[in-house]
């Protein structure tokens, strides 16, 4: 049987990543089929799709066994992924760590279910505006220059884990030391004392959204940010452009609860009234940054929202249906690896790279059929080999 040309390309990529030093040939074959299936058109996360789309020669149950019971070292795959990301970090520009969480929604099982999916629970979804059933994942990404890469993640379980903040502190505590200015970017949920302390311990600053009930001390007076905002006049603000939008910004520099010195920016859209409901606030622990730099740096956080959208839309992050916690974690690791590997294989951003991968898949099938036909293989046999019979 001739090999599929795009499988050969994937295997060459594995060699470039030095995966054959860590994994056996059977494990590498499974990884090839996962990468192929995940990058296929129409993939939603089902293992049956990986089996069919990647033309897996073994029974489809081997894929579930690979995730749940196979003894391959998933820690090695995470280690290689991290080392790849570290090699992409440029040393002459600020480095950003993006911290956020997302929910992989599931259907709540019946109370009579014998084997419900492990690790699920009710979590509040800002997108849905209510609590939903599913898995919640705390994700850490790296943004260096114009590129953003998933770096590590943790599964949050209310009955087993202290908090998302504790998981985030663990993620930040495991980061490598770097020499350039480094910032942790986060939304208001993560702009907390423990996150700031963890960042400081690693030589990093925090830039994050801030809740308007946070306490500040202008002229030594204890006030909530939203109370202080009522005393701000338009003439005390500066016009700042971020992207295509203009904002009126007031800069407070001083003490906050749990922070001796920081910068708080109170921002309103320039073309709207300076009302409390239209105000957004941001914190920077680096007081040497300009107002423009703080807002520009915070806008880099959008890359993690894009990542969540892409892995749910392309790589089946939300649609996976395996049941055990170990299999779920391994699948998410494969999602993160696939995101990095596909981009590296095609030397392009993920959104462009996966389109290239799909064209390579289609071309590979044509090459396979052509070469098989040249050697006299019957049409029926070709269909069987491609699992299309």
Protein backbone atom coordinates (compact mmCIF):
# COMPACT_ATOMS: atom_id res chain seq x y z
CA UNK A 1 0.00 0.00 0.00
CA UNK A 2 1.30 3.48 -0.88
CA UNK A 3 1.50 5.99 1.98
CA UNK A 4 -0.62 9.10 2.01
CA UNK A 5 1.68 11.98 1.11
CA UNK A 6 0.29 14.31 3.78
CA UNK A 7 0.96 11.62 6.40
CA UNK A 8 4.59 11.57 5.24
CA UNK A 9 4.68 15.36 5.70
CA UNK A 10 3.29 15.04 9.24
CA UNK A 11 5.82 12.33 10.12
CA UNK A 12 8.67 14.52 8.86
CA UNK A 13 7.37 17.26 11.12
CA UNK A 14 7.43 14.84 14.05
CA UNK A 15 11.10 14.17 13.31
CA UNK A 16 11.81 17.90 13.30
CA UNK A 17 10.21 18.08 16.74
CA UNK A 18 12.33 15.06 17.81
CA UNK A 19 9.22 13.11 18.83
CA UNK A 20 10.71 9.74 17.73
CA UNK A 21 13.13 10.11 20.66
CA UNK A 22 10.20 10.04 23.08
CA UNK A 23 7.51 7.89 21.49
CA UNK A 24 7.26 4.46 19.89
CA UNK A 25 6.19 3.99 16.27
CA UNK A 26 2.64 2.87 17.26
CA UNK A 27 2.22 6.06 19.34
CA UNK A 28 3.52 8.22 16.49
CA UNK A 29 1.05 6.54 14.10
CA UNK A 30 -1.79 7.46 16.45
CA UNK A 31 -0.51 11.03 16.69
CA UNK A 32 -0.41 11.20 12.88
CA UNK A 33 -4.04 10.13 12.64
CA UNK A 34 -5.11 12.60 15.34
CA UNK A 35 -3.39 15.50 13.54
CA UNK A 36 -4.87 14.42 10.21
CA UNK A 37 -8.38 13.93 11.58
CA UNK A 38 -8.41 17.13 13.63
CA UNK A 39 -7.37 19.23 10.64
CA UNK A 40 -10.04 17.78 8.36
CA UNK A 41 -13.05 19.71 7.06
CA UNK A 42 -16.15 19.09 9.19
CA UNK A 43 -14.31 17.80 12.25
CA UNK A 44 -16.26 18.43 15.48
CA UNK A 45 -14.34 16.37 18.06
CA UNK A 46 -15.68 12.84 17.68
CA UNK A 47 -13.17 9.99 17.65
CA UNK A 48 -15.22 8.29 14.94
CA UNK A 49 -14.44 11.28 12.71
CA UNK A 50 -10.72 11.00 13.40
CA UNK A 51 -10.94 7.32 12.48
CA UNK A 52 -12.80 7.99 9.24
CA UNK A 53 -11.17 11.26 8.11
CA UNK A 54 -7.60 10.03 8.68
CA UNK A 55 -8.26 6.59 7.10
CA UNK A 56 -7.16 4.79 10.26
CA UNK A 57 -6.51 1.10 9.45
CA UNK A 58 -7.27 -0.19 12.98
CA UNK A 59 -10.66 -0.42 14.71
CA UNK A 60 -11.98 2.93 15.95
CA UNK A 61 -11.93 1.74 19.59
CA UNK A 62 -8.12 1.88 19.49
CA UNK A 63 -8.36 5.69 19.52
CA UNK A 64 -10.29 5.71 22.81
CA UNK A 65 -7.83 3.20 24.24
CA UNK A 66 -4.94 5.43 23.15
CA UNK A 67 -6.39 8.35 25.13
CA UNK A 68 -7.49 6.46 28.21
CA UNK A 69 -5.25 3.44 28.74
CA UNK A 70 -2.14 3.65 26.55
CA UNK A 71 1.05 4.17 28.63
CA UNK A 72 2.56 6.86 26.36
CA UNK A 73 4.06 9.80 28.28
CA UNK A 74 1.79 12.78 27.63
CA UNK A 75 4.10 14.90 29.81
CA UNK A 76 6.76 14.53 27.10
CA UNK A 77 4.41 15.95 24.48
CA UNK A 78 3.63 18.93 26.70
CA UNK A 79 7.35 19.40 27.35
CA UNK A 80 8.16 19.43 23.63
CA UNK A 81 5.31 21.86 22.98
CA UNK A 82 6.61 24.22 25.66
CA UNK A 83 10.14 24.05 24.32
CA UNK A 84 8.87 24.89 20.84
CA UNK A 85 7.05 27.96 22.22
CA UNK A 86 10.12 29.05 24.16
CA UNK A 87 12.18 28.96 20.96
CA UNK A 88 9.72 31.37 19.35
CA UNK A 89 10.11 34.03 22.05
CA UNK A 90 11.92 37.08 20.77
CA UNK A 91 14.27 38.72 23.27
CA UNK A 92 14.14 42.27 21.92
CA UNK A 93 10.41 42.92 22.55
CA UNK A 94 8.07 42.78 25.58
CA UNK A 95 6.68 39.33 26.33
CA UNK A 96 3.04 38.75 27.23
CA UNK A 97 1.46 35.85 29.12
CA UNK A 98 -2.29 35.70 28.48
CA UNK A 99 -4.40 34.17 31.23
CA UNK A 100 -8.08 33.27 30.88
CA UNK A 101 -10.57 30.41 31.07
CA UNK A 102 -13.19 28.92 28.81
CA UNK A 103 -15.98 26.37 29.06
CA UNK A 104 -16.45 23.26 26.96
CA UNK A 105 -20.23 22.88 27.19
CA UNK A 106 -21.80 19.43 27.54
CA UNK A 107 -25.29 18.02 27.95
CA UNK A 108 -26.01 17.30 31.59
CA UNK A 109 -26.48 13.55 32.02
CA UNK A 110 -29.45 11.92 33.67
CA UNK A 111 -29.11 11.20 37.39
CA UNK A 112 -29.48 7.54 36.39
CA UNK A 113 -26.44 7.63 34.08
CA UNK A 114 -24.08 4.76 34.88
CA UNK A 115 -20.90 6.37 33.45
CA UNK A 116 -21.25 10.17 33.28
CA UNK A 117 -18.42 12.22 31.79
CA UNK A 118 -15.84 12.94 34.48
CA UNK A 119 -14.70 16.42 35.49
CA UNK A 120 -17.92 18.23 34.52
CA UNK A 121 -19.79 20.74 36.62
CA UNK A 122 -21.84 23.93 36.51
CA UNK A 123 -19.80 27.02 35.61
CA UNK A 124 -20.92 30.55 34.92
CA UNK A 125 -20.64 31.44 31.23
CA UNK A 126 -20.30 35.15 30.42
CA UNK A 127 -21.23 34.33 26.82
CA UNK A 128 -24.52 32.69 27.84
CA UNK A 129 -25.13 34.92 30.85
CA UNK A 130 -25.90 31.90 33.05
CA UNK A 131 -24.40 28.75 34.54
CA UNK A 132 -23.85 25.94 32.06
CA UNK A 133 -22.82 22.30 32.42
CA UNK A 134 -19.40 21.32 31.12
CA UNK A 135 -15.65 21.45 31.64
CA UNK A 136 -13.87 24.67 32.56
CA UNK A 137 -10.26 25.07 31.52
CA UNK A 138 -7.78 27.70 32.70
CA UNK A 139 -5.46 28.47 29.77
CA UNK A 140 -2.09 30.21 29.61
CA UNK A 141 -0.79 31.56 26.29
CA UNK A 142 2.40 33.32 25.22
CA UNK A 143 2.34 36.37 22.92
CA UNK A 144 5.69 37.32 21.44
CA UNK A 145 5.86 39.84 18.63
CA UNK A 146 2.96 39.14 16.28
CA UNK A 147 2.63 35.47 17.27
CA UNK A 148 0.56 33.88 20.03
CA UNK A 149 1.00 30.30 21.26
CA UNK A 150 -0.90 28.10 23.75
CA UNK A 151 1.53 27.15 26.51
CA UNK A 152 -0.21 25.24 29.31
CA UNK A 153 -3.65 24.61 30.82
CA UNK A 154 -5.44 23.23 33.88
CA UNK A 155 -8.87 21.62 34.30
CA UNK A 156 -10.86 23.44 36.99
CA UNK A 157 -13.14 21.25 39.13
CA UNK A 158 -15.04 22.91 41.96
CA UNK A 159 -15.10 19.74 44.06
CA UNK A 160 -11.36 19.04 43.67
CA UNK A 161 -9.62 22.39 43.09
CA UNK A 162 -9.31 25.34 45.47
CA UNK A 163 -9.98 27.97 42.81
CA UNK A 164 -9.13 29.15 39.31
CA UNK A 165 -6.78 31.63 40.98
CA UNK A 166 -4.84 28.75 42.60
CA UNK A 167 -4.54 26.99 39.23
CA UNK A 168 -3.38 30.24 37.65
CA UNK A 169 -0.73 30.76 40.34
CA UNK A 170 0.54 27.24 39.64
CA UNK A 171 0.76 28.01 35.91
CA UNK A 172 2.63 31.27 36.50
CA UNK A 173 4.98 29.62 38.99
CA UNK A 174 6.15 27.10 36.38
CA UNK A 175 7.16 29.70 33.77
CA UNK A 176 10.80 30.02 32.67
CA UNK A 177 12.86 33.06 33.61
CA UNK A 178 13.34 35.58 30.79
CA UNK A 179 15.28 38.81 30.45
CA UNK A 180 12.86 41.11 28.61
CA UNK A 181 9.98 43.08 30.19
CA UNK A 182 7.15 40.60 30.79
CA UNK A 183 3.46 41.17 31.48
CA UNK A 184 0.59 38.95 32.57
CA UNK A 185 -2.60 40.07 30.77
CA UNK A 186 -5.95 39.08 32.26
CA UNK A 187 -9.55 40.09 32.72
CA UNK A 188 -11.01 41.41 35.96
CA UNK A 189 -11.55 37.92 37.44
CA UNK A 190 -7.78 37.34 37.61
CA UNK A 191 -6.62 40.83 38.63
CA UNK A 192 -6.21 39.71 42.24
CA UNK A 193 -3.65 39.94 45.01
CA UNK A 194 -2.46 36.34 44.57
CA UNK A 195 -2.00 36.70 40.81
CA UNK A 196 -0.10 39.97 41.26
CA UNK A 197 2.15 38.40 43.91
CA UNK A 198 2.79 35.36 41.71
CA UNK A 199 3.71 37.65 38.82
CA UNK A 200 6.05 39.74 41.00
CA UNK A 201 7.74 36.53 42.21
CA UNK A 202 8.52 35.67 38.59
CA UNK A 203 9.79 39.15 37.75
CA UNK A 204 6.61 40.04 35.83
CA UNK A 205 4.04 42.84 35.92
CA UNK A 206 0.25 42.53 35.61
CA UNK A 207 -1.99 44.49 33.24
CA UNK A 208 -5.63 43.60 33.63
CA UNK A 209 -9.20 44.78 33.60
CA UNK A 210 -10.39 46.05 36.95
CA UNK A 211 -13.81 45.84 38.59
CA UNK A 212 -15.31 49.24 39.30
CA UNK A 213 -15.87 48.41 42.99
CA UNK A 214 -12.11 48.10 43.58
CA UNK A 215 -10.85 50.39 46.35
CA UNK A 216 -8.37 53.18 45.58
CA UNK A 217 -7.00 56.01 47.77
CA UNK A 218 -6.93 59.38 45.92
CA UNK A 219 -5.47 61.97 48.31
CA UNK A 220 -5.65 59.33 51.03
CA UNK A 221 -9.43 59.01 50.77
CA UNK A 222 -10.82 55.47 50.57
CA UNK A 223 -13.17 55.23 47.55
CA UNK A 224 -14.49 52.68 45.11
CA UNK A 225 -13.34 53.40 41.55
CA UNK A 226 -16.92 54.00 40.43
CA UNK A 227 -17.42 56.53 43.24
CA UNK A 228 -14.23 58.33 42.32
CA UNK A 229 -15.33 58.42 38.66
CA UNK A 230 -18.29 60.68 39.52
CA UNK A 231 -15.83 63.46 40.40
CA UNK A 232 -13.96 63.33 37.08
CA UNK A 233 -14.64 66.01 34.52
CA UNK A 234 -14.06 65.60 30.80
CA UNK A 235 -11.37 68.30 30.85
CA UNK A 236 -9.32 66.11 33.24
CA UNK A 237 -9.14 63.25 30.69
CA UNK A 238 -6.87 62.58 27.73
CA UNK A 239 -7.89 61.29 24.30
CA UNK A 240 -6.21 57.97 23.56
CA UNK A 241 -6.56 55.93 20.37
CA UNK A 242 -6.46 52.13 20.63
CA UNK A 243 -6.83 50.35 17.31
CA UNK A 244 -9.61 52.16 15.48
CA UNK A 245 -11.32 53.51 18.59
CA UNK A 246 -10.81 56.65 20.67
CA UNK A 247 -11.28 56.82 24.44
CA UNK A 248 -11.34 59.50 27.11
CA UNK A 249 -8.94 58.29 29.79
CA UNK A 250 -8.27 59.45 33.34
CA UNK A 251 -5.04 58.16 34.91
CA UNK A 252 -4.89 57.49 38.66
CA UNK A 253 -1.51 56.57 40.11
CA UNK A 254 -1.36 55.51 43.75
CA UNK A 255 -2.43 52.87 46.25
CA UNK A 256 -5.13 50.24 45.82
CA UNK A 257 -6.36 47.59 48.18
CA UNK A 258 -3.67 44.87 48.27
CA UNK A 259 -1.27 46.96 46.15
CA UNK A 260 0.99 49.73 47.42
CA UNK A 261 1.38 51.44 44.04
CA UNK A 262 -0.25 50.96 40.66
CA UNK A 263 -1.84 52.75 37.73
CA UNK A 264 -5.61 52.65 37.24
CA UNK A 265 -7.03 53.89 33.95
CA UNK A 266 -10.68 54.96 33.83
CA UNK A 267 -11.84 54.83 30.21
CA UNK A 268 -14.94 55.97 28.34
CA UNK A 269 -15.65 55.77 24.57
CA UNK A 270 -14.85 59.27 23.23
CA UNK A 271 -18.17 59.65 21.43
CA UNK A 272 -20.35 58.62 24.39
CA UNK A 273 -21.31 60.29 27.71
CA UNK A 274 -18.98 59.72 30.68
CA UNK A 275 -21.49 57.56 32.52
CA UNK A 276 -20.66 54.81 35.02
CA UNK A 277 -22.25 52.09 32.88
CA UNK A 278 -20.00 52.99 29.93
CA UNK A 279 -16.78 53.09 31.93
CA UNK A 280 -14.12 50.40 31.81
CA UNK A 281 -11.13 50.26 34.13
CA UNK A 282 -7.65 48.80 33.77
CA UNK A 283 -4.79 48.20 36.18
CA UNK A 284 -1.07 48.19 35.50
CA UNK A 285 1.44 47.31 38.21
CA UNK A 286 4.15 48.86 36.02
CA UNK A 287 3.87 52.58 36.76
CA UNK A 288 6.58 53.47 34.25
CA UNK A 289 4.37 52.62 31.28
CA UNK A 290 2.53 55.42 29.51
CA UNK A 291 -1.24 55.38 29.31
CA UNK A 292 -0.99 54.55 25.61
CA UNK A 293 1.36 51.63 26.30
CA UNK A 294 -0.91 50.16 28.99
CA UNK A 295 -3.95 50.14 26.72
CA UNK A 296 -1.98 48.91 23.70
CA UNK A 297 -0.46 46.10 25.76
CA UNK A 298 -3.83 45.08 27.20
CA UNK A 299 -5.27 44.82 23.69
CA UNK A 300 -2.80 41.96 23.06
CA UNK A 301 -5.02 39.85 25.35
CA UNK A 302 -7.51 39.41 22.51
CA UNK A 303 -5.29 36.64 21.08
CA UNK A 304 -6.51 34.18 23.73
CA UNK A 305 -10.15 34.81 22.77
CA UNK A 306 -9.20 34.08 19.16
CA UNK A 307 -7.49 30.86 20.27
CA UNK A 308 -10.58 29.65 22.15
CA UNK A 309 -12.74 30.35 19.08
CA UNK A 310 -10.35 28.51 16.75
CA UNK A 311 -9.88 25.36 18.83
CA UNK A 312 -13.63 25.08 19.33
CA UNK A 313 -14.39 25.75 15.67
CA UNK A 314 -11.61 23.70 14.07
CA UNK A 315 -10.05 21.21 16.50
CA UNK A 316 -13.05 19.81 18.36
CA UNK A 317 -12.16 21.27 21.76
CA UNK A 318 -15.82 21.46 22.70
CA UNK A 319 -17.14 18.37 20.93
CA UNK A 320 -14.91 15.66 22.41
CA UNK A 321 -17.03 12.86 23.88
CA UNK A 322 -14.56 10.69 25.82
CA UNK A 323 -15.62 10.04 29.40
CA UNK A 324 -12.58 9.63 31.67
CA UNK A 325 -10.75 12.64 33.08
CA UNK A 326 -7.42 11.26 31.88
CA UNK A 327 -8.68 10.86 28.32
CA UNK A 328 -10.16 14.38 28.36
CA UNK A 329 -6.90 15.95 29.56
CA UNK A 330 -4.96 14.01 26.92
CA UNK A 331 -7.34 15.07 24.20
CA UNK A 332 -6.99 18.73 25.18
CA UNK A 333 -3.22 18.30 25.17
CA UNK A 334 -3.50 16.96 21.61
CA UNK A 335 -5.64 19.99 20.68
CA UNK A 336 -2.96 22.35 22.00
CA UNK A 337 -0.21 20.34 20.27
CA UNK A 338 -2.16 20.24 16.98
CA UNK A 339 -2.60 24.02 17.08
CA UNK A 340 1.16 24.54 17.49
CA UNK A 341 2.23 21.75 15.15
CA UNK A 342 -0.04 22.69 12.23
CA UNK A 343 1.18 26.29 12.32
CA UNK A 344 4.83 25.18 12.51
CA UNK A 345 4.40 22.58 9.76
CA UNK A 346 2.97 25.15 7.34
CA UNK A 347 5.13 28.07 8.56
CA UNK A 348 2.04 30.24 8.89
CA UNK A 349 -0.59 31.42 11.34
CA UNK A 350 -3.00 28.71 12.43
CA UNK A 351 -5.96 30.13 10.49
CA UNK A 352 -3.94 30.02 7.25
CA UNK A 353 -2.05 26.83 8.11
CA UNK A 354 -5.13 24.67 8.60
CA UNK A 355 -6.42 25.69 5.17
CA UNK A 356 -3.05 24.60 3.72
CA UNK A 357 -3.34 21.31 5.62
CA UNK A 358 -6.77 20.66 4.15
CA UNK A 359 -5.49 21.27 0.63
CA UNK A 360 -2.60 18.90 1.33
CA UNK A 361 -5.05 16.25 2.52
CA UNK A 362 -7.11 16.51 -0.67
CA UNK A 363 -3.98 16.44 -2.82
CA UNK A 364 -2.66 13.46 -0.82
CA UNK A 365 -5.79 11.42 -1.52
CA UNK A 366 -5.52 12.17 -5.26
CA UNK A 367 -1.84 11.14 -5.24
CA UNK A 368 -2.69 7.94 -3.39
CA UNK A 369 -5.46 6.91 -5.78
CA UNK A 370 -3.28 7.71 -8.80
CA UNK A 371 -0.28 5.71 -7.53
CA UNK A 372 -2.41 2.75 -6.49
CA UNK A 373 -4.15 2.68 -9.87
CA UNK A 374 -0.76 2.75 -11.66
CA UNK A 375 0.31 -0.40 -9.81
CA UNK A 376 -2.86 -2.23 -10.84
CA UNK A 377 -4.83 -1.98 -7.62
CA UNK A 378 -8.53 -2.39 -8.23
CA UNK A 379 -10.99 0.39 -7.51
CA UNK A 380 -12.71 -1.77 -4.89
CA UNK A 381 -9.43 -2.38 -3.09
CA UNK A 382 -8.56 1.34 -3.16
CA UNK A 383 -11.92 2.10 -1.59
CA UNK A 384 -11.27 -0.49 1.10
CA UNK A 385 -7.82 0.94 1.85
CA UNK A 386 -9.33 4.43 2.20
CA UNK A 387 -12.23 3.08 4.28
CA UNK A 388 -14.59 4.42 1.63
CA UNK A 389 -16.19 1.13 0.66
